[in-house]
Amino acid sequence: MTRGSIEYLLCDVSEVRETQSAHPWLASLLSPAEVKRSDRLRHASDRIAYRCAHLVLRLLAARRLGADVRSAGDLEFTRCCRSCGGPHGKPQVTDAEVSLSRSGTMVLVGSAPPSSPIGVDIEGRPSDV
């Protein structure tokens, strides 16, 4: 990857779970806060999707920063709402621009150099009735 490029990754949660099955150590990359937050979600499918999305975010951020994949768990993400300053909003990591969105079973993550603000959004299409 070129450090100056913008990179997006769209994947289905099932693909991430297959990769985790083949490489169980990947689950250890999530922070205790990410695990705790996912555990508060009501539906098992949402807990799984949350963990998969944050794993992909960590892996793409590590790639952006040129770090070894096994050090993705050491990355410190912060969140600060641009409107109220609260501890929520877009994830931030030093020396990179990242963004994350998930809907249903789909996850979209983007990364860019710090000089290129990005944002991603994915939404499910309503089913035909």
Protein backbone atom coordinates (compact mmCIF):
# COMPACT_ATOMS: atom_id res chain seq x y z
CA MET A 1 0.00 0.00 0.00
CA THR A 2 1.13 3.52 -0.73
CA ARG A 3 1.11 5.63 2.43
CA GLY A 4 -0.47 8.49 0.50
CA SER A 5 -3.40 6.47 -0.79
CA ILE A 6 -6.91 6.23 0.58
CA GLU A 7 -8.00 2.66 1.19
CA TYR A 8 -11.47 1.21 1.73
CA LEU A 9 -12.41 -2.32 2.72
CA LEU A 10 -15.95 -3.66 2.45
CA CYS A 11 -16.59 -7.15 3.80
CA ASP A 12 -19.25 -9.40 5.18
CA VAL A 13 -19.04 -10.39 8.83
CA SER A 14 -19.04 -14.05 7.78
CA GLU A 15 -15.74 -13.50 5.93
CA VAL A 16 -14.17 -11.98 9.04
CA ARG A 17 -15.46 -14.87 11.16
CA GLU A 18 -13.97 -17.40 8.73
CA THR A 19 -10.61 -15.67 9.01
CA GLN A 20 -10.89 -15.63 12.81
CA SER A 21 -11.64 -19.36 12.78
CA ALA A 22 -8.45 -19.99 10.85
CA HIS A 23 -6.46 -17.55 13.05
CA PRO A 24 -8.00 -17.55 16.58
CA TRP A 25 -5.32 -15.18 17.92
CA LEU A 26 -6.99 -12.33 15.99
CA ALA A 27 -9.67 -12.04 18.71
CA SER A 28 -6.94 -11.01 21.16
CA LEU A 29 -6.34 -7.81 19.15
CA LEU A 30 -9.53 -6.21 20.47
CA SER A 31 -9.14 -3.95 23.47
CA PRO A 32 -10.94 -4.71 26.74
CA ALA A 33 -13.09 -1.62 26.12
CA GLU A 34 -14.14 -2.92 22.69
CA VAL A 35 -15.04 -6.32 24.16
CA LYS A 36 -16.96 -4.67 27.02
CA ARG A 37 -18.87 -2.40 24.63
CA SER A 38 -19.78 -5.31 22.36
CA ASP A 39 -21.00 -7.32 25.35
CA ARG A 40 -23.53 -4.58 26.12
CA LEU A 41 -25.27 -5.08 22.77
CA ARG A 42 -28.56 -6.93 23.04
CA HIS A 43 -28.43 -9.21 20.00
CA ALA A 44 -25.69 -11.80 19.44
CA SER A 45 -25.50 -10.82 15.76
CA ASP A 46 -24.78 -7.19 16.74
CA ARG A 47 -22.09 -8.29 19.23
CA ILE A 48 -20.41 -10.38 16.54
CA ALA A 49 -20.66 -7.62 13.91
CA TYR A 50 -19.25 -5.04 16.34
CA ARG A 51 -16.24 -7.19 17.18
CA CYS A 52 -15.61 -8.02 13.52
CA ALA A 53 -15.86 -4.37 12.50
CA HIS A 54 -13.40 -3.27 15.17
CA LEU A 55 -11.00 -6.06 14.28
CA VAL A 56 -11.02 -4.95 10.63
CA LEU A 57 -10.55 -1.33 11.76
CA ARG A 58 -7.50 -2.31 13.83
CA LEU A 59 -5.98 -4.36 11.01
CA LEU A 60 -6.47 -1.63 8.41
CA ALA A 61 -5.07 1.02 10.79
CA ALA A 62 -2.01 -1.14 11.46
CA ARG A 63 -1.53 -1.55 7.72
CA ARG A 64 -1.83 2.22 7.24
CA LEU A 65 0.79 2.85 9.92
CA GLY A 66 3.16 0.21 8.56
CA ALA A 67 2.89 -1.79 11.78
CA ASP A 68 3.05 -5.55 12.12
CA VAL A 69 -0.43 -7.09 12.14
CA ARG A 70 0.17 -8.58 15.58
CA SER A 71 0.68 -5.08 17.01
CA ALA A 72 -2.81 -3.97 15.90
CA GLY A 73 -4.01 -4.74 19.41
CA ASP A 74 -1.59 -2.14 20.80
CA LEU A 75 -3.12 0.71 18.80
CA GLU A 76 -4.93 3.25 20.94
CA PHE A 77 -8.12 4.62 19.48
CA THR A 78 -9.92 7.58 20.95
CA ARG A 79 -13.32 9.03 20.22
CA CYS A 80 -14.33 12.64 20.68
CA CYS A 81 -17.64 13.95 19.37
CA ARG A 82 -17.17 17.06 17.25
CA SER A 83 -20.51 18.41 18.47
CA CYS A 84 -20.45 17.86 22.24
CA GLY A 85 -16.91 16.67 23.01
CA GLY A 86 -18.24 13.41 24.51
CA PRO A 87 -16.35 10.10 24.29
CA HIS A 88 -18.19 8.90 21.21
CA GLY A 89 -18.07 9.65 17.51
CA LYS A 90 -15.56 8.77 14.84
CA PRO A 91 -12.57 6.65 15.91
CA GLN A 92 -9.20 8.39 15.90
CA VAL A 93 -5.68 7.01 15.92
CA THR A 94 -2.40 8.93 15.86
CA ASP A 95 -0.79 9.46 12.42
CA ALA A 96 -3.72 8.14 10.36
CA GLU A 97 -7.27 8.98 9.41
CA VAL A 98 -9.75 6.11 9.88
CA SER A 99 -13.48 5.62 9.62
CA LEU A 100 -15.83 2.73 10.33
CA SER A 101 -19.44 1.87 9.51
CA ARG A 102 -21.47 -1.30 9.77
CA SER A 103 -24.97 -2.28 8.82
CA GLY A 104 -26.45 -5.72 9.27
CA THR A 105 -23.76 -8.17 8.23
CA MET A 106 -21.67 -5.67 6.26
CA VAL A 107 -18.64 -3.74 7.50
CA LEU A 108 -16.99 -0.78 5.74
CA VAL A 109 -13.66 0.61 6.96
CA GLY A 110 -11.54 3.36 5.43
CA SER A 111 -8.04 4.64 6.11
CA ALA A 112 -6.08 7.58 4.79
CA PRO A 113 -3.08 9.73 5.60
CA PRO A 114 -3.72 12.24 8.40
CA SER A 115 -3.87 15.03 5.80
CA SER A 116 -6.91 13.42 4.09
CA PRO A 117 -10.01 13.50 6.30
CA ILE A 118 -12.38 10.68 5.36
CA GLY A 119 -15.69 9.28 6.48
CA VAL A 120 -17.49 6.11 5.46
CA ASP A 121 -21.13 5.16 5.77
CA ILE A 122 -22.99 2.01 4.81
CA GLU A 123 -26.68 1.38 5.14
CA GLY A 124 -28.80 -1.63 4.37
CA ARG A 125 -31.42 -1.29 1.70
CA PRO A 126 -34.96 -1.82 2.97
CA SER A 127 -36.28 -5.17 1.80
CA ASP A 128 -39.09 -5.17 -0.72
CA VAL A 129 -42.40 -5.91 0.92
